[in-house]
Amino acid sequence: RDVRLIHPDDVQMRSEYPLLIFQSRQQMRKCTICATFLAKLVTHHDRLVPQSPAFFCEQCYNFLHKDANGRLLYTDFIVHPYYHE
């Protein structure tokens, strides 16, 4: 909708178009538990946290969800890797 004639101050090289005029910042979520480290995992319907989804760093996730041998304590939740938005 914003159509206008080219101006001498505009970029003159066709290969430079379309111009990137705005790039949003990546949202970096921190761990729901410690609020210190960046989230690496996200859980849904997890009974140990009051909200769903919940974001966890690896340390907090392992501490809350795994025993000393690294086995899950319970499996009635959904977990997957979290890729920052």
PDB file of N, CA and C in Angstrom:
ATOM      1  N   ARG A   1       0.820  -1.197   0.000  1.00  0.00           N
ATOM      2  CA  ARG A   1       0.000   0.000   0.000  1.00  0.00           C
ATOM      3  C   ARG A   1       0.864   1.261   0.000  1.00  0.00           C
ATOM      4  N   ASP A   2       2.102   1.131   0.462  1.00  0.00           N
ATOM      5  CA  ASP A   2       2.993   2.283   0.497  1.00  0.00           C
ATOM      6  C   ASP A   2       3.813   2.292  -0.792  1.00  0.00           C
ATOM      7  N   VAL A   3       3.287   2.921  -1.821  1.00  0.00           N
ATOM      8  CA  VAL A   3       3.955   2.969  -3.116  1.00  0.00           C
ATOM      9  C   VAL A   3       4.394   4.396  -3.373  1.00  0.00           C
ATOM     10  N   ARG A   4       5.647   4.522  -3.810  1.00  0.00           N
ATOM     11  CA  ARG A   4       6.166   5.852  -4.127  1.00  0.00           C
ATOM     12  C   ARG A   4       7.274   5.710  -5.151  1.00  0.00           C
ATOM     13  N   LEU A   5       7.662   6.809  -5.728  1.00  0.00           N
ATOM     14  CA  LEU A   5       8.757   6.816  -6.698  1.00  0.00           C
ATOM     15  C   LEU A   5      10.083   6.739  -5.958  1.00  0.00           C
ATOM     16  N   ILE A   6      11.084   6.189  -6.645  1.00  0.00           N
ATOM     17  CA  ILE A   6      12.404   6.081  -6.034  1.00  0.00           C
ATOM     18  C   ILE A   6      13.016   7.472  -5.880  1.00  0.00           C
ATOM     19  N   HIS A   7      13.754   7.632  -4.813  1.00  0.00           N
ATOM     20  CA  HIS A   7      14.383   8.907  -4.467  1.00  0.00           C
ATOM     21  C   HIS A   7      15.891   8.709  -4.518  1.00  0.00           C
ATOM     22  N   PRO A   8      16.661   9.747  -4.799  1.00  0.00           N
ATOM     23  CA  PRO A   8      18.123   9.598  -4.863  1.00  0.00           C
ATOM     24  C   PRO A   8      18.746   9.087  -3.554  1.00  0.00           C
ATOM     25  N   ASP A   9      18.085   9.316  -2.428  1.00  0.00           N
ATOM     26  CA  ASP A   9      18.621   8.839  -1.141  1.00  0.00           C
ATOM     27  C   ASP A   9      18.297   7.366  -0.883  1.00  0.00           C
ATOM     28  N   ASP A  10      17.423   6.770  -1.690  1.00  0.00           N
ATOM     29  CA  ASP A  10      17.065   5.355  -1.534  1.00  0.00           C
ATOM     30  C   ASP A  10      18.202   4.474  -2.018  1.00  0.00           C
ATOM     31  N   VAL A  11      18.219   3.258  -1.549  1.00  0.00           N
ATOM     32  CA  VAL A  11      19.188   2.277  -2.032  1.00  0.00           C
ATOM     33  C   VAL A  11      18.928   2.063  -3.520  1.00  0.00           C
ATOM     34  N   GLN A  12      19.976   2.141  -4.319  1.00  0.00           N
ATOM     35  CA  GLN A  12      19.819   2.091  -5.769  1.00  0.00           C
ATOM     36  C   GLN A  12      20.020   0.693  -6.358  1.00  0.00           C
ATOM     37  N   MET A  13      20.544  -0.233  -5.564  1.00  0.00           N
ATOM     38  CA  MET A  13      20.788  -1.581  -6.073  1.00  0.00           C
ATOM     39  C   MET A  13      19.548  -2.450  -5.906  1.00  0.00           C
ATOM     40  N   ARG A  14      19.078  -3.002  -7.008  1.00  0.00           N
ATOM     41  CA  ARG A  14      17.869  -3.831  -6.994  1.00  0.00           C
ATOM     42  C   ARG A  14      18.055  -5.061  -6.095  1.00  0.00           C
ATOM     43  N   SER A  15      19.259  -5.592  -6.017  1.00  0.00           N
ATOM     44  CA  SER A  15      19.521  -6.795  -5.215  1.00  0.00           C
ATOM     45  C   SER A  15      19.340  -6.547  -3.710  1.00  0.00           C
ATOM     46  N   GLU A  16      19.307  -5.316  -3.282  1.00  0.00           N
ATOM     47  CA  GLU A  16      19.133  -4.983  -1.864  1.00  0.00           C
ATOM     48  C   GLU A  16      17.669  -5.023  -1.422  1.00  0.00           C
ATOM     49  N   TYR A  17      16.758  -5.209  -2.356  1.00  0.00           N
ATOM     50  CA  TYR A  17      15.331  -5.211  -2.027  1.00  0.00           C
ATOM     51  C   TYR A  17      14.810  -6.635  -1.927  1.00  0.00           C
ATOM     52  N   PRO A  18      13.815  -6.910  -1.130  1.00  0.00           N
ATOM     53  CA  PRO A  18      13.113  -5.987  -0.236  1.00  0.00           C
ATOM     54  C   PRO A  18      13.992  -5.625   0.968  1.00  0.00           C
ATOM     55  N   LEU A  19      13.849  -4.392   1.412  1.00  0.00           N
ATOM     56  CA  LEU A  19      14.631  -3.903   2.537  1.00  0.00           C
ATOM     57  C   LEU A  19      14.077  -4.438   3.851  1.00  0.00           C
ATOM     58  N   LEU A  20      14.971  -4.821   4.747  1.00  0.00           N
ATOM     59  CA  LEU A  20      14.577  -5.221   6.090  1.00  0.00           C
ATOM     60  C   LEU A  20      14.555  -3.946   6.926  1.00  0.00           C
ATOM     61  N   ILE A  21      13.362  -3.554   7.368  1.00  0.00           N
ATOM     62  CA  ILE A  21      13.251  -2.290   8.115  1.00  0.00           C
ATOM     63  C   ILE A  21      13.040  -2.519   9.612  1.00  0.00           C
ATOM     64  N   PHE A  22      12.679  -3.769   9.983  1.00  0.00           N
ATOM     65  CA  PHE A  22      12.488  -4.059  11.395  1.00  0.00           C
ATOM     66  C   PHE A  22      12.729  -5.540  11.630  1.00  0.00           C
ATOM     67  N   GLN A  23      13.421  -5.844  12.711  1.00  0.00           N
ATOM     68  CA  GLN A  23      13.620  -7.240  13.100  1.00  0.00           C
ATOM     69  C   GLN A  23      13.372  -7.338  14.596  1.00  0.00           C
ATOM     70  N   SER A  24      12.394  -8.146  14.957  1.00  0.00           N
ATOM     71  CA  SER A  24      12.046  -8.243  16.371  1.00  0.00           C
ATOM     72  C   SER A  24      13.150  -8.965  17.141  1.00  0.00           C
ATOM     73  N   ARG A  25      13.255  -8.640  18.408  1.00  0.00           N
ATOM     74  CA  ARG A  25      14.251  -9.270  19.260  1.00  0.00           C
ATOM     75  C   ARG A  25      13.766 -10.654  19.664  1.00  0.00           C
ATOM     76  N   GLN A  26      14.694 -11.553  19.795  1.00  0.00           N
ATOM     77  CA  GLN A  26      14.360 -12.907  20.207  1.00  0.00           C
ATOM     78  C   GLN A  26      14.029 -12.900  21.698  1.00  0.00           C
ATOM     79  N   GLN A  27      12.906 -13.517  22.041  1.00  0.00           N
ATOM     80  CA  GLN A  27      12.505 -13.581  23.439  1.00  0.00           C
ATOM     81  C   GLN A  27      13.204 -14.766  24.079  1.00  0.00           C
ATOM     82  N   MET A  28      13.941 -14.509  25.139  1.00  0.00           N
ATOM     83  CA  MET A  28      14.701 -15.536  25.834  1.00  0.00           C
ATOM     84  C   MET A  28      14.034 -15.799  27.180  1.00  0.00           C
ATOM     85  N   ARG A  29      13.337 -16.906  27.303  1.00  0.00           N
ATOM     86  CA  ARG A  29      12.662 -17.239  28.550  1.00  0.00           C
ATOM     87  C   ARG A  29      13.631 -17.892  29.521  1.00  0.00           C
ATOM     88  N   LYS A  30      13.445 -17.547  30.781  1.00  0.00           N
ATOM     89  CA  LYS A  30      14.251 -18.159  31.829  1.00  0.00           C
ATOM     90  C   LYS A  30      13.469 -19.276  32.494  1.00  0.00           C
ATOM     91  N   CYS A  31      14.176 -20.062  33.262  1.00  0.00           N
ATOM     92  CA  CYS A  31      13.595 -21.193  33.973  1.00  0.00           C
ATOM     93  C   CYS A  31      12.512 -20.723  34.942  1.00  0.00           C
ATOM     94  N   THR A  32      11.384 -21.422  34.960  1.00  0.00           N
ATOM     95  CA  THR A  32      10.272 -21.100  35.859  1.00  0.00           C
ATOM     96  C   THR A  32      10.677 -21.271  37.318  1.00  0.00           C
ATOM     97  N   ILE A  33      11.546 -22.225  37.613  1.00  0.00           N
ATOM     98  CA  ILE A  33      11.909 -22.555  38.992  1.00  0.00           C
ATOM     99  C   ILE A  33      12.985 -21.619  39.535  1.00  0.00           C
ATOM    100  N   CYS A  34      14.137 -21.570  38.890  1.00  0.00           N
ATOM    101  CA  CYS A  34      15.255 -20.785  39.440  1.00  0.00           C
ATOM    102  C   CYS A  34      15.296 -19.353  38.922  1.00  0.00           C
ATOM    103  N   ALA A  35      14.694 -19.093  37.787  1.00  0.00           N
ATOM    104  CA  ALA A  35      14.691 -17.762  37.158  1.00  0.00           C
ATOM    105  C   ALA A  35      16.100 -17.222  36.935  1.00  0.00           C
ATOM    106  N   THR A  36      17.071 -18.126  36.816  1.00  0.00           N
ATOM    107  CA  THR A  36      18.462 -17.729  36.612  1.00  0.00           C
ATOM    108  C   THR A  36      18.963 -18.152  35.233  1.00  0.00           C
ATOM    109  N   PHE A  37      18.758 -19.419  34.915  1.00  0.00           N
ATOM    110  CA  PHE A  37      19.269 -19.967  33.662  1.00  0.00           C
ATOM    111  C   PHE A  37      18.202 -19.934  32.571  1.00  0.00           C
ATOM    112  N   LEU A  38      18.647 -19.943  31.322  1.00  0.00           N
ATOM    113  CA  LEU A  38      17.712 -19.964  30.199  1.00  0.00           C
ATOM    114  C   LEU A  38      17.024 -21.319  30.109  1.00  0.00           C
ATOM    115  N   ALA A  39      15.774 -21.295  29.709  1.00  0.00           N
ATOM    116  CA  ALA A  39      14.991 -22.519  29.578  1.00  0.00           C
ATOM    117  C   ALA A  39      15.511 -23.371  28.427  1.00  0.00           C
ATOM    118  N   LYS A  40      15.596 -24.662  28.663  1.00  0.00           N
ATOM    119  CA  LYS A  40      15.988 -25.636  27.639  1.00  0.00           C
ATOM    120  C   LYS A  40      14.856 -26.607  27.340  1.00  0.00           C
ATOM    121  N   LEU A  41      13.912 -26.746  28.300  1.00  0.00           N
ATOM    122  CA  LEU A  41      12.808 -27.688  28.156  1.00  0.00           C
ATOM    123  C   LEU A  41      11.511 -27.005  28.544  1.00  0.00           C
ATOM    124  N   VAL A  42      10.414 -27.464  27.954  1.00  0.00           N
ATOM    125  CA  VAL A  42       9.095 -26.948  28.313  1.00  0.00           C
ATOM    126  C   VAL A  42       8.198 -28.138  28.611  1.00  0.00           C
ATOM    127  N   THR A  43       7.413 -28.032  29.680  1.00  0.00           N
ATOM    128  CA  THR A  43       6.479 -29.094  30.038  1.00  0.00           C
ATOM    129  C   THR A  43       5.051 -28.572  29.974  1.00  0.00           C
ATOM    130  N   HIS A  44       4.133 -29.476  29.703  1.00  0.00           N
ATOM    131  CA  HIS A  44       2.700 -29.182  29.696  1.00  0.00           C
ATOM    132  C   HIS A  44       2.022 -30.167  30.634  1.00  0.00           C
ATOM    133  N   HIS A  45       1.049 -29.677  31.401  1.00  0.00           N
ATOM    134  CA  HIS A  45       0.271 -30.512  32.322  1.00  0.00           C
ATOM    135  C   HIS A  45       1.162 -31.171  33.376  1.00  0.00           C
ATOM    136  N   ASP A  46       2.153 -30.439  33.845  1.00  0.00           N
ATOM    137  CA  ASP A  46       3.087 -30.940  34.849  1.00  0.00           C
ATOM    138  C   ASP A  46       2.509 -30.667  36.236  1.00  0.00           C
ATOM    139  N   ARG A  47       2.386 -31.683  37.062  1.00  0.00           N
ATOM    140  CA  ARG A  47       1.753 -31.524  38.374  1.00  0.00           C
ATOM    141  C   ARG A  47       2.634 -30.813  39.397  1.00  0.00           C
ATOM    142  N   LEU A  48       3.916 -30.636  39.120  1.00  0.00           N
ATOM    143  CA  LEU A  48       4.807 -29.982  40.082  1.00  0.00           C
ATOM    144  C   LEU A  48       4.842 -28.461  39.974  1.00  0.00           C
ATOM    145  N   VAL A  49       4.281 -27.924  38.927  1.00  0.00           N
ATOM    146  CA  VAL A  49       4.300 -26.472  38.739  1.00  0.00           C
ATOM    147  C   VAL A  49       2.879 -25.946  38.560  1.00  0.00           C
ATOM    148  N   PRO A  50       2.627 -24.713  39.006  1.00  0.00           N
ATOM    149  CA  PRO A  50       1.268 -24.184  38.974  1.00  0.00           C
ATOM    150  C   PRO A  50       0.770 -23.732  37.598  1.00  0.00           C
ATOM    151  N   GLN A  51       1.664 -23.586  36.619  1.00  0.00           N
ATOM    152  CA  GLN A  51       1.203 -23.135  35.306  1.00  0.00           C
ATOM    153  C   GLN A  51       1.631 -24.110  34.222  1.00  0.00           C
ATOM    154  N   SER A  52       0.905 -24.046  33.133  1.00  0.00           N
ATOM    155  CA  SER A  52       1.224 -24.854  31.971  1.00  0.00           C
ATOM    156  C   SER A  52       1.107 -23.958  30.748  1.00  0.00           C
ATOM    157  N   PRO A  53       2.129 -23.832  29.965  1.00  0.00           N
ATOM    158  CA  PRO A  53       3.397 -24.544  29.995  1.00  0.00           C
ATOM    159  C   PRO A  53       4.344 -23.988  31.062  1.00  0.00           C
ATOM    160  N   ALA A  54       5.303 -24.809  31.445  1.00  0.00           N
ATOM    161  CA  ALA A  54       6.348 -24.401  32.392  1.00  0.00           C
ATOM    162  C   ALA A  54       7.697 -24.590  31.710  1.00  0.00           C
ATOM    163  N   PHE A  55       8.586 -23.656  31.927  1.00  0.00           N
ATOM    164  CA  PHE A  55       9.892 -23.660  31.275  1.00  0.00           C
ATOM    165  C   PHE A  55      10.963 -24.022  32.296  1.00  0.00           C
ATOM    166  N   PHE A  56      11.892 -24.905  31.904  1.00  0.00           N
ATOM    167  CA  PHE A  56      12.909 -25.409  32.825  1.00  0.00           C
ATOM    168  C   PHE A  56      14.298 -25.327  32.214  1.00  0.00           C
ATOM    169  N   CYS A  57      15.275 -25.003  33.061  1.00  0.00           N
ATOM    170  CA  CYS A  57      16.666 -25.220  32.679  1.00  0.00           C
ATOM    171  C   CYS A  57      16.923 -26.711  32.912  1.00  0.00           C
ATOM    172  N   GLU A  58      18.011 -27.230  32.392  1.00  0.00           N
ATOM    173  CA  GLU A  58      18.277 -28.661  32.529  1.00  0.00           C
ATOM    174  C   GLU A  58      18.468 -29.073  33.980  1.00  0.00           C
ATOM    175  N   GLN A  59      19.122 -28.219  34.776  1.00  0.00           N
ATOM    176  CA  GLN A  59      19.387 -28.557  36.174  1.00  0.00           C
ATOM    177  C   GLN A  59      18.088 -28.698  36.968  1.00  0.00           C
ATOM    178  N   CYS A  60      17.197 -27.747  36.853  1.00  0.00           N
ATOM    179  CA  CYS A  60      15.933 -27.788  37.601  1.00  0.00           C
ATOM    180  C   CYS A  60      15.038 -28.923  37.113  1.00  0.00           C
ATOM    181  N   TYR A  61      15.011 -29.151  35.806  1.00  0.00           N
ATOM    182  CA  TYR A  61      14.197 -30.240  35.274  1.00  0.00           C
ATOM    183  C   TYR A  61      14.669 -31.574  35.847  1.00  0.00           C
ATOM    184  N   ASN A  62      15.968 -31.806  35.789  1.00  0.00           N
ATOM    185  CA  ASN A  62      16.511 -33.066  36.305  1.00  0.00           C
ATOM    186  C   ASN A  62      16.275 -33.200  37.804  1.00  0.00           C
ATOM    187  N   PHE A  63      16.429 -32.143  38.559  1.00  0.00           N
ATOM    188  CA  PHE A  63      16.235 -32.177  40.004  1.00  0.00           C
ATOM    189  C   PHE A  63      14.793 -32.533  40.364  1.00  0.00           C
ATOM    190  N   LEU A  64      13.827 -31.970  39.642  1.00  0.00           N
ATOM    191  CA  LEU A  64      12.416 -32.193  39.967  1.00  0.00           C
ATOM    192  C   LEU A  64      11.814 -33.452  39.350  1.00  0.00           C
ATOM    193  N   HIS A  65      12.330 -33.898  38.220  1.00  0.00           N
ATOM    194  CA  HIS A  65      11.676 -34.966  37.478  1.00  0.00           C
ATOM    195  C   HIS A  65      12.426 -36.288  37.427  1.00  0.00           C
ATOM    196  N   LYS A  66      13.663 -36.331  37.884  1.00  0.00           N
ATOM    197  CA  LYS A  66      14.446 -37.562  37.770  1.00  0.00           C
ATOM    198  C   LYS A  66      15.011 -37.986  39.125  1.00  0.00           C
ATOM    199  N   ASP A  67      15.195 -39.303  39.275  1.00  0.00           N
ATOM    200  CA  ASP A  67      15.799 -39.812  40.506  1.00  0.00           C
ATOM    201  C   ASP A  67      17.325 -39.780  40.367  1.00  0.00           C
ATOM    202  N   ALA A  68      18.029 -40.305  41.371  1.00  0.00           N
ATOM    203  CA  ALA A  68      19.495 -40.276  41.387  1.00  0.00           C
ATOM    204  C   ALA A  68      20.103 -41.056  40.223  1.00  0.00           C
ATOM    205  N   ASN A  69      19.357 -42.012  39.683  1.00  0.00           N
ATOM    206  CA  ASN A  69      19.850 -42.814  38.559  1.00  0.00           C
ATOM    207  C   ASN A  69      19.456 -42.239  37.203  1.00  0.00           C
ATOM    208  N   GLY A  70      18.775 -41.087  37.187  1.00  0.00           N
ATOM    209  CA  GLY A  70      18.402 -40.434  35.947  1.00  0.00           C
ATOM    210  C   GLY A  70      17.097 -40.922  35.343  1.00  0.00           C
ATOM    211  N   ARG A  71      16.322 -41.712  36.090  1.00  0.00           N
ATOM    212  CA  ARG A  71      15.029 -42.190  35.601  1.00  0.00           C
ATOM    213  C   ARG A  71      13.933 -41.210  35.997  1.00  0.00           C
ATOM    214  N   LEU A  72      12.959 -41.055  35.109  1.00  0.00           N
ATOM    215  CA  LEU A  72      11.834 -40.156  35.396  1.00  0.00           C
ATOM    216  C   LEU A  72      11.042 -40.648  36.597  1.00  0.00           C
ATOM    217  N   LEU A  73      10.634 -39.722  37.469  1.00  0.00           N
ATOM    218  CA  LEU A  73       9.842 -40.065  38.643  1.00  0.00           C
ATOM    219  C   LEU A  73       8.388 -40.330  38.285  1.00  0.00           C
ATOM    220  N   TYR A  74       7.888 -39.636  37.282  1.00  0.00           N
ATOM    221  CA  TYR A  74       6.522 -39.836  36.792  1.00  0.00           C
ATOM    222  C   TYR A  74       6.477 -39.406  35.338  1.00  0.00           C
ATOM    223  N   THR A  75       5.466 -39.867  34.617  1.00  0.00           N
ATOM    224  CA  THR A  75       5.423 -39.621  33.168  1.00  0.00           C
ATOM    225  C   THR A  75       4.095 -39.052  32.689  1.00  0.00           C
ATOM    226  N   ASP A  76       3.260 -38.570  33.606  1.00  0.00           N
ATOM    227  CA  ASP A  76       1.952 -38.048  33.185  1.00  0.00           C
ATOM    228  C   ASP A  76       2.006 -36.564  32.831  1.00  0.00           C
ATOM    229  N   PHE A  77       3.018 -36.194  32.038  1.00  0.00           N
ATOM    230  CA  PHE A  77       3.154 -34.827  31.542  1.00  0.00           C
ATOM    231  C   PHE A  77       3.827 -34.892  30.180  1.00  0.00           C
ATOM    232  N   ILE A  78       3.790 -33.789  29.475  1.00  0.00           N
ATOM    233  CA  ILE A  78       4.403 -33.703  28.146  1.00  0.00           C
ATOM    234  C   ILE A  78       5.650 -32.822  28.267  1.00  0.00           C
ATOM    235  N   VAL A  79       6.736 -33.270  27.717  1.00  0.00           N
ATOM    236  CA  VAL A  79       7.976 -32.478  27.733  1.00  0.00           C
ATOM    237  C   VAL A  79       8.586 -32.493  26.338  1.00  0.00           C
ATOM    238  N   HIS A  80       9.136 -31.329  25.957  1.00  0.00           N
ATOM    239  CA  HIS A  80       9.863 -31.237  24.691  1.00  0.00           C
ATOM    240  C   HIS A  80      10.885 -30.130  24.786  1.00  0.00           C
ATOM    241  N   PRO A  81      11.877 -30.132  23.888  1.00  0.00           N
ATOM    242  CA  PRO A  81      12.887 -29.066  23.912  1.00  0.00           C
ATOM    243  C   PRO A  81      12.253 -27.715  23.651  1.00  0.00           C
ATOM    244  N   TYR A  82      12.821 -26.693  24.257  1.00  0.00           N
ATOM    245  CA  TYR A  82      12.304 -25.333  24.054  1.00  0.00           C
ATOM    246  C   TYR A  82      13.279 -24.560  23.187  1.00  0.00           C
ATOM    247  N   TYR A  83      12.787 -24.058  22.075  1.00  0.00           N
ATOM    248  CA  TYR A  83      13.571 -23.210  21.183  1.00  0.00           C
ATOM    249  C   TYR A  83      13.077 -21.790  21.358  1.00  0.00           C
ATOM    250  N   HIS A  84      13.963 -20.904  21.710  1.00  0.00           N
ATOM    251  CA  HIS A  84      13.574 -19.535  22.040  1.00  0.00           C
ATOM    252  C   HIS A  84      12.884 -18.847  20.875  1.00  0.00           C
ATOM    253  N   GLU A  85      11.881 -18.069  21.215  1.00  0.00           N
ATOM    254  CA  GLU A  85      11.003 -17.409  20.234  1.00  0.00           C
ATOM    255  C   GLU A  85      11.671 -16.226  19.597  1.00  0.00           C
TER     256      GLU A  85
END
